Amino acid sequence: MPNLSKIPATSHQKIVNVAVAVIHYQAHYLLGFRDAAQHQGNRHEFVGGKIDADETAKQALIREVAEETGIDIHGNTVVKLGRLHHDYGDKQVSLQVYNIELTALQYEQHRHLRYGLEGQALKWVNKSALLAGEYHLPAANKTILEWLRLPTQIAITYPLAHFSDRPNPAAEWLTYHEEKVAPHAWLYIRVKDSGFDNSVKQLMTLRPDIQVILPFDHHMQSVQPDYQIVAHQISQTALMKWLNDGEHVSVGEQTSFNDRPLIVSCHDAASIYAANKLANARLQQQLPPVIGIFLSPLLATQTHPDTAPLGWSDWSTLAQLADMPVIGLGGLSPAMIERVAQYGGISVAGIRQFI
């Protein structure tokens, strides 16, 4: 795995390693404000600070949050969102970003915070306003906001073959998903059948509230309305082809999926390494980021009964390698989100328990 903290600087500048705490209670997020005299001053920021040489990122996170806000998070579930390397020109930073949800008691104790222990201004803001860009953040935080758009659960459509015993499988597929998909859900429409474009278009037209993830495929590019498409999904096979064909070829030339964020499917350490390379390449090219990986199979599934599951321990080890949020997939239900978070994931996805 590439260690972003060891990426060589393009100049003689020293890279500053920073732990970033995305602290929230439900939809209330805590932001600090940088003094005008500071680097990237007069901007809001997430709480955090430099990682000392003798501490881990999580240790730095707990220390910095306590020093800056007085909030003790050592007992909270701390979930890695991702790692980012950003060159501001006058300074290079490597951000290790973690998601921390406070308990109701913690929020009640600290929701009136207006100033931190170091005198800095603090503000609780609504997630929708934060994602809408109403708070000016340092440039490196743009990708973090994209990560935060991911919901805690993602539904995946049944394959057309699931309705093969019906007189009109395509019509049955459409009716089922139109009726069963939850309001405003993120839905990964996993299309493996040619000539299926019309059913996808119909579903999106009938359910304009859903947010759609589509597999990147040239015959799917014409699907409208495209405002519902929040991300393209890339298979592990396509990902490894990009890596093996050579990084001298631009991401755009290789894939042509430059208009949307990406979610990548990974099953092992090699594919996560490739996903990290792709994420960094897209950041360098100022393209929409890789906002997550489907890491699977965590548990045994009915759709792939012959595939050995990773299990919780190996899945967690792999999740720690990723430089972007990890989505648990394989034998899960929405109710398992807390356990997935304990093992390093920020979202769960599936078919049977989700639709």
Protein backbone atom coordinates (compact mmCIF):
# COMPACT_ATOMS: atom_id res chain seq x y z
CA MET A 1 0.00 0.00 0.00
CA PRO A 2 1.33 3.47 -0.77
CA ASN A 3 1.96 5.37 2.43
CA LEU A 4 0.87 8.94 1.73
CA SER A 5 2.93 10.21 4.63
CA LYS A 6 6.02 9.08 2.70
CA ILE A 7 5.17 10.53 -0.71
CA PRO A 8 8.17 12.66 -1.67
CA ALA A 9 7.61 16.39 -1.86
CA THR A 10 7.96 18.07 -5.21
CA SER A 11 10.25 20.60 -3.55
CA HIS A 12 12.34 20.63 -0.40
CA GLN A 13 9.29 21.34 1.71
CA LYS A 14 8.63 19.01 4.59
CA ILE A 15 5.28 17.21 4.52
CA VAL A 16 3.12 17.96 7.53
CA ASN A 17 1.22 14.89 8.77
CA VAL A 18 -2.16 15.87 10.18
CA ALA A 19 -4.94 13.94 11.93
CA VAL A 20 -8.38 15.29 11.04
CA ALA A 21 -11.49 14.62 13.16
CA VAL A 22 -14.86 14.86 11.42
CA ILE A 23 -16.88 15.20 14.64
CA HIS A 24 -20.65 15.08 14.47
CA TYR A 25 -23.83 14.12 16.23
CA GLN A 26 -26.38 12.99 13.66
CA ALA A 27 -26.48 15.87 11.13
CA HIS A 28 -24.68 18.40 13.37
CA TYR A 29 -20.98 18.82 12.48
CA LEU A 30 -18.32 20.66 14.46
CA LEU A 31 -16.08 23.15 12.66
CA GLY A 32 -13.29 25.35 13.89
CA PHE A 33 -12.19 28.64 12.34
CA ARG A 34 -8.62 29.45 11.35
CA ASP A 35 -7.23 32.82 12.36
CA ALA A 36 -6.28 35.15 9.51
CA ALA A 37 -2.58 34.85 10.44
CA GLN A 38 -2.61 31.05 10.09
CA HIS A 39 -1.88 29.05 6.94
CA GLN A 40 -5.14 28.87 4.95
CA GLY A 41 -6.51 31.47 7.39
CA ASN A 42 -10.02 32.92 7.53
CA ARG A 43 -11.50 29.51 6.73
CA HIS A 44 -13.51 26.97 8.62
CA GLU A 45 -11.91 23.59 9.23
CA PHE A 46 -12.48 20.25 10.87
CA VAL A 47 -10.83 19.78 14.26
CA GLY A 48 -7.37 18.23 14.25
CA GLY A 49 -3.67 18.87 14.23
CA LYS A 50 -0.16 17.60 13.61
CA ILE A 51 0.75 14.00 14.34
CA ASP A 52 3.81 13.82 16.59
CA ALA A 53 6.63 11.45 15.69
CA ASP A 54 5.95 9.20 18.69
CA GLU A 55 2.19 8.74 18.20
CA THR A 56 -0.26 7.11 15.83
CA ALA A 57 -2.87 9.06 13.89
CA LYS A 58 -5.62 7.91 16.27
CA GLN A 59 -3.56 8.90 19.32
CA ALA A 60 -2.98 12.32 17.78
CA LEU A 61 -6.68 12.57 17.02
CA ILE A 62 -7.73 11.89 20.62
CA ARG A 63 -5.09 14.30 21.95
CA GLU A 64 -5.88 17.12 19.52
CA VAL A 65 -9.64 16.91 20.02
CA ALA A 66 -9.19 17.03 23.81
CA GLU A 67 -6.72 19.93 23.61
CA GLU A 68 -8.81 21.97 21.18
CA THR A 69 -12.36 21.29 22.36
CA GLY A 70 -12.29 19.45 25.68
CA ILE A 71 -14.26 16.56 24.14
CA ASP A 72 -12.99 13.13 25.21
CA ILE A 73 -13.38 10.72 22.27
CA HIS A 74 -11.20 7.85 23.50
CA GLY A 75 -14.32 5.72 24.07
CA ASN A 76 -16.01 6.58 20.76
CA THR A 77 -15.88 4.49 17.61
CA VAL A 78 -13.27 6.16 15.41
CA VAL A 79 -13.65 5.17 11.75
CA LYS A 80 -11.11 6.04 9.08
CA LEU A 81 -12.62 7.99 6.21
CA GLY A 82 -9.43 8.18 4.17
CA ARG A 83 -6.02 9.68 3.55
CA LEU A 84 -5.20 12.69 1.39
CA HIS A 85 -2.03 14.34 0.21
CA HIS A 86 -2.39 17.97 -0.80
CA ASP A 87 0.13 20.49 -2.10
CA TYR A 88 -0.85 24.09 -1.31
CA GLY A 89 2.24 25.43 -3.06
CA ASP A 90 3.68 26.93 0.09
CA LYS A 91 3.03 23.83 2.21
CA GLN A 92 2.36 20.13 1.68
CA VAL A 93 0.10 18.21 4.01
CA SER A 94 -0.83 14.56 4.44
CA LEU A 95 -4.26 14.29 6.05
CA GLN A 96 -5.46 11.18 7.85
CA VAL A 97 -9.19 11.71 8.19
CA TYR A 98 -11.46 9.99 10.72
CA ASN A 99 -15.19 10.04 11.35
CA ILE A 100 -16.30 10.33 15.00
CA GLU A 101 -19.98 10.32 15.95
CA LEU A 102 -20.65 11.68 19.43
CA THR A 103 -23.17 10.18 21.80
CA ALA A 104 -26.31 12.13 22.68
CA LEU A 105 -24.78 12.88 26.09
CA GLN A 106 -21.55 14.19 24.60
CA TYR A 107 -23.44 16.41 22.18
CA GLU A 108 -25.66 17.77 24.93
CA GLN A 109 -22.56 18.59 27.01
CA HIS A 110 -20.78 20.36 24.15
CA ARG A 111 -23.45 21.68 21.78
CA HIS A 112 -23.11 25.21 23.18
CA LEU A 113 -19.39 25.38 22.35
CA ARG A 114 -18.52 28.71 20.76
CA TYR A 115 -14.80 28.82 21.50
CA GLY A 116 -12.22 26.09 21.90
CA LEU A 117 -9.69 25.69 24.68
CA GLU A 118 -7.08 27.43 22.51
CA GLY A 119 -9.35 30.45 21.93
CA GLN A 120 -10.39 29.46 18.42
CA ALA A 121 -13.97 29.97 17.27
CA LEU A 122 -16.09 26.80 17.05
CA LYS A 123 -19.42 26.29 15.33
CA TRP A 124 -21.92 23.45 15.00
CA VAL A 125 -23.26 23.42 11.44
CA ASN A 126 -25.92 21.43 9.62
CA LYS A 127 -24.65 18.72 7.27
CA SER A 128 -26.75 19.93 4.33
CA ALA A 129 -25.28 23.44 4.62
CA LEU A 130 -21.78 21.99 4.97
CA LEU A 131 -22.14 19.87 1.83
CA ALA A 132 -23.71 22.78 -0.03
CA GLY A 133 -20.45 24.70 0.39
CA GLU A 134 -21.80 27.38 2.72
CA TYR A 135 -18.63 27.19 4.83
CA HIS A 136 -15.31 28.09 3.24
CA LEU A 137 -12.86 25.24 3.91
CA PRO A 138 -9.22 24.67 2.92
CA ALA A 139 -8.83 23.18 -0.56
CA ALA A 140 -7.79 19.76 0.77
CA ASN A 141 -11.18 19.42 2.46
CA LYS A 142 -13.13 19.34 -0.81
CA THR A 143 -12.66 15.58 -1.13
CA ILE A 144 -13.69 15.05 2.50
CA LEU A 145 -17.02 16.71 1.74
CA GLU A 146 -17.51 14.32 -1.18
CA TRP A 147 -16.79 11.39 1.15
CA LEU A 148 -19.42 12.68 3.58
CA ARG A 149 -22.11 12.42 0.90
CA LEU A 150 -22.01 8.64 1.17
CA PRO A 151 -25.03 7.29 3.06
CA THR A 152 -24.75 4.61 5.73
CA GLN A 153 -26.52 2.12 3.47
CA ILE A 154 -26.64 1.48 -0.26
CA ALA A 155 -29.18 -0.80 -1.92
CA ILE A 156 -28.22 -2.96 -4.91
CA THR A 157 -30.70 -4.09 -7.54
CA TYR A 158 -31.57 -7.73 -8.05
CA PRO A 159 -30.16 -9.26 -11.25
CA LEU A 160 -32.60 -9.69 -14.10
CA ALA A 161 -32.14 -13.46 -13.72
CA HIS A 162 -33.93 -13.24 -10.37
CA PHE A 163 -37.16 -12.72 -12.34
CA SER A 164 -36.42 -15.27 -15.07
CA ASP A 165 -39.40 -17.44 -14.14
CA ARG A 166 -41.83 -14.58 -14.89
CA PRO A 167 -43.47 -14.03 -18.31
CA ASN A 168 -41.76 -10.63 -18.72
CA PRO A 169 -38.61 -10.49 -16.55
CA ALA A 170 -37.71 -6.90 -17.48
CA ALA A 171 -41.17 -5.60 -16.60
CA GLU A 172 -41.15 -7.54 -13.33
CA TRP A 173 -37.68 -6.15 -12.50
CA LEU A 174 -38.91 -2.62 -13.10
CA THR A 175 -42.12 -2.98 -11.10
CA TYR A 176 -40.37 -4.62 -8.17
CA HIS A 177 -37.69 -1.95 -7.80
CA GLU A 178 -40.09 0.93 -8.41
CA GLU A 179 -42.20 -0.29 -5.50
CA LYS A 180 -39.58 -1.62 -3.09
CA VAL A 181 -36.66 0.83 -3.15
CA ALA A 182 -36.83 3.12 -0.10
CA PRO A 183 -37.48 6.86 -0.63
CA HIS A 184 -34.35 8.88 -1.48
CA ALA A 185 -32.17 5.76 -1.34
CA TRP A 186 -28.77 5.42 -2.95
CA LEU A 187 -29.24 2.58 -5.42
CA TYR A 188 -26.47 0.73 -7.23
CA ILE A 189 -28.08 -0.49 -10.45
CA ARG A 190 -25.92 -3.49 -11.26
CA VAL A 191 -26.49 -4.04 -14.96
CA LYS A 192 -25.07 -7.20 -16.50
CA ASP A 193 -27.53 -7.67 -19.35
CA SER A 194 -27.21 -5.99 -22.72
CA GLY A 195 -30.24 -4.11 -23.98
CA PHE A 196 -31.24 -3.20 -20.43
CA ASP A 197 -30.82 0.58 -20.83
CA ASN A 198 -34.52 1.24 -21.28
CA SER A 199 -35.45 -0.45 -17.99
CA VAL A 200 -32.83 1.63 -16.16
CA LYS A 201 -34.13 4.83 -17.75
CA GLN A 202 -37.70 3.91 -16.84
CA LEU A 203 -36.80 3.21 -13.22
CA MET A 204 -35.01 6.53 -12.89
CA THR A 205 -37.95 8.34 -14.46
CA LEU A 206 -40.50 6.62 -12.23
CA ARG A 207 -38.38 7.19 -9.12
CA PRO A 208 -36.76 10.64 -9.48
CA ASP A 209 -36.03 10.65 -5.74
CA ILE A 210 -33.38 7.90 -5.84
CA GLN A 211 -29.66 8.59 -6.15
CA VAL A 212 -28.15 6.18 -8.67
CA ILE A 213 -24.77 4.49 -8.93
CA LEU A 214 -24.22 3.04 -12.40
CA PRO A 215 -21.47 0.68 -13.52
CA PHE A 216 -19.31 2.47 -16.00
CA ASP A 217 -20.05 0.96 -19.37
CA HIS A 218 -20.08 2.72 -22.70
CA HIS A 219 -23.61 1.61 -23.56
CA MET A 220 -24.85 3.13 -20.28
CA GLN A 221 -23.54 6.66 -20.88
CA SER A 222 -26.75 7.82 -22.54
CA VAL A 223 -28.92 7.07 -19.51
CA GLN A 224 -31.03 10.07 -18.55
CA PRO A 225 -31.88 11.90 -16.37
CA ASP A 226 -28.19 12.05 -15.52
CA TYR A 227 -28.66 14.38 -12.54
CA GLN A 228 -29.65 11.30 -10.54
CA ILE A 229 -26.31 9.62 -11.20
CA VAL A 230 -24.16 10.32 -8.12
CA ALA A 231 -21.28 7.99 -8.99
CA HIS A 232 -19.97 5.44 -11.47
CA GLN A 233 -18.89 2.01 -10.26
CA ILE A 234 -15.74 0.37 -11.55
CA SER A 235 -15.15 -3.37 -11.33
CA GLN A 236 -11.93 -4.81 -9.96
CA THR A 237 -11.17 -6.15 -13.45
CA ALA A 238 -11.41 -2.67 -15.00
CA LEU A 239 -9.42 -1.19 -12.13
CA MET A 240 -6.54 -3.64 -12.55
CA LYS A 241 -6.53 -3.07 -16.30
CA TRP A 242 -6.06 0.65 -15.67
CA LEU A 243 -3.14 -0.08 -13.35
CA ASN A 244 -1.52 -2.66 -15.64
CA ASP A 245 -1.86 -0.53 -18.78
CA GLY A 246 0.45 2.05 -17.21
CA GLU A 247 0.03 5.22 -15.23
CA HIS A 248 1.49 7.30 -18.05
CA VAL A 249 -1.93 6.98 -19.70
CA SER A 250 -4.32 9.47 -18.20
CA VAL A 251 -7.37 8.31 -16.30
CA GLY A 252 -9.56 10.11 -18.78
CA GLU A 253 -8.04 8.34 -21.80
CA GLN A 254 -8.36 5.02 -20.06
CA THR A 255 -11.89 5.23 -18.79
CA SER A 256 -13.78 8.32 -19.98
CA PHE A 257 -15.69 8.49 -16.66
CA ASN A 258 -14.55 11.96 -15.73
CA ASP A 259 -17.89 13.59 -14.99
CA ARG A 260 -18.82 11.78 -11.78
CA PRO A 261 -17.21 10.52 -8.57
CA LEU A 262 -16.23 6.85 -8.57
CA ILE A 263 -16.89 3.85 -6.35
CA VAL A 264 -14.50 0.96 -6.95
CA SER A 265 -15.04 -2.74 -6.26
CA CYS A 266 -12.15 -4.41 -4.42
CA HIS A 267 -11.59 -7.92 -3.08
CA ASP A 268 -7.94 -7.99 -2.00
CA ALA A 269 -4.87 -5.94 -1.12
CA ALA A 270 -3.70 -5.64 -4.74
CA SER A 271 -6.97 -4.06 -5.86
CA ILE A 272 -6.99 -1.67 -2.90
CA TYR A 273 -3.45 -0.60 -3.84
CA ALA A 274 -4.75 0.07 -7.38
CA ALA A 275 -7.75 1.99 -6.01
CA ASN A 276 -5.39 4.18 -3.97
CA LYS A 277 -3.33 4.88 -7.09
CA LEU A 278 -6.44 5.73 -9.08
CA ALA A 279 -7.72 8.03 -6.31
CA ASN A 280 -4.41 9.90 -6.19
CA ALA A 281 -4.25 10.17 -9.98
CA ARG A 282 -7.73 11.68 -10.13
CA LEU A 283 -6.87 14.20 -7.43
CA GLN A 284 -3.74 15.21 -9.34
CA GLN A 285 -5.85 15.67 -12.49
CA GLN A 286 -8.52 17.57 -10.51
CA LEU A 287 -11.18 15.05 -11.48
CA PRO A 288 -14.13 14.02 -9.27
CA PRO A 289 -12.70 11.79 -6.52
CA VAL A 290 -12.99 8.14 -5.66
CA ILE A 291 -15.58 8.38 -2.88
CA GLY A 292 -15.54 4.78 -1.71
CA ILE A 293 -14.80 1.13 -2.32
CA PHE A 294 -17.13 -1.84 -2.16
CA LEU A 295 -14.97 -4.30 -0.20
CA SER A 296 -16.36 -7.82 -0.50
CA PRO A 297 -17.39 -10.44 0.30
CA LEU A 298 -17.37 -9.83 4.03
CA LEU A 299 -19.69 -12.75 4.81
CA ALA A 300 -21.08 -15.62 2.72
CA THR A 301 -23.73 -14.65 0.17
CA GLN A 302 -26.46 -16.44 -1.76
CA THR A 303 -25.42 -14.77 -5.01
CA HIS A 304 -21.83 -16.09 -4.77
CA PRO A 305 -22.07 -19.29 -2.69
CA ASP A 306 -18.74 -20.66 -3.98
CA THR A 307 -16.73 -17.55 -3.05
CA ALA A 308 -14.98 -17.77 0.31
CA PRO A 309 -15.85 -14.76 2.49
CA LEU A 310 -13.12 -12.57 3.94
CA GLY A 311 -14.51 -12.69 7.47
CA TRP A 312 -14.42 -9.79 9.92
CA SER A 313 -10.71 -9.89 10.77
CA ASP A 314 -9.32 -10.03 7.23
CA TRP A 315 -11.94 -7.56 6.01
CA SER A 316 -10.89 -5.09 8.71
CA THR A 317 -7.20 -5.50 7.84
CA LEU A 318 -7.92 -4.75 4.19
CA ALA A 319 -10.17 -1.80 5.08
CA GLN A 320 -7.27 -0.12 6.87
CA LEU A 321 -5.27 -0.13 3.63
CA ALA A 322 -7.75 2.01 1.75
CA ASP A 323 -7.23 5.74 1.20
CA MET A 324 -10.98 6.30 0.85
CA PRO A 325 -14.16 5.27 2.72
CA VAL A 326 -14.93 1.55 2.80
CA ILE A 327 -18.38 0.09 2.13
CA GLY A 328 -19.09 -3.35 3.54
CA LEU A 329 -20.67 -5.77 1.06
CA GLY A 330 -21.59 -9.44 1.25
CA GLY A 331 -24.09 -11.09 3.58
CA LEU A 332 -24.89 -7.88 5.48
CA SER A 333 -28.06 -6.10 6.58
CA PRO A 334 -28.63 -2.40 7.35
CA ALA A 335 -28.77 -3.26 11.07
CA MET A 336 -25.10 -4.34 10.94
CA ILE A 337 -23.76 -0.83 10.29
CA GLU A 338 -22.49 -0.40 13.86
CA ARG A 339 -20.46 -3.60 13.72
CA VAL A 340 -19.11 -2.68 10.28
CA ALA A 341 -18.04 0.70 11.72
CA GLN A 342 -16.19 -1.05 14.54
CA TYR A 343 -14.22 -2.96 11.89
CA GLY A 344 -13.41 0.10 9.79
CA GLY A 345 -16.33 0.66 7.39
CA ILE A 346 -18.59 3.68 7.00
CA SER A 347 -21.45 2.12 5.04
CA VAL A 348 -23.13 -1.20 4.24
CA ALA A 349 -24.55 -2.40 0.93
CA GLY A 350 -26.57 -5.34 -0.27
CA ILE A 351 -29.60 -6.71 -2.07
CA ARG A 352 -31.93 -8.95 -0.09
CA GLN A 353 -31.89 -7.09 3.23
CA PHE A 354 -31.94 -3.65 1.56
CA ILE A 355 -34.81 -3.81 -0.93
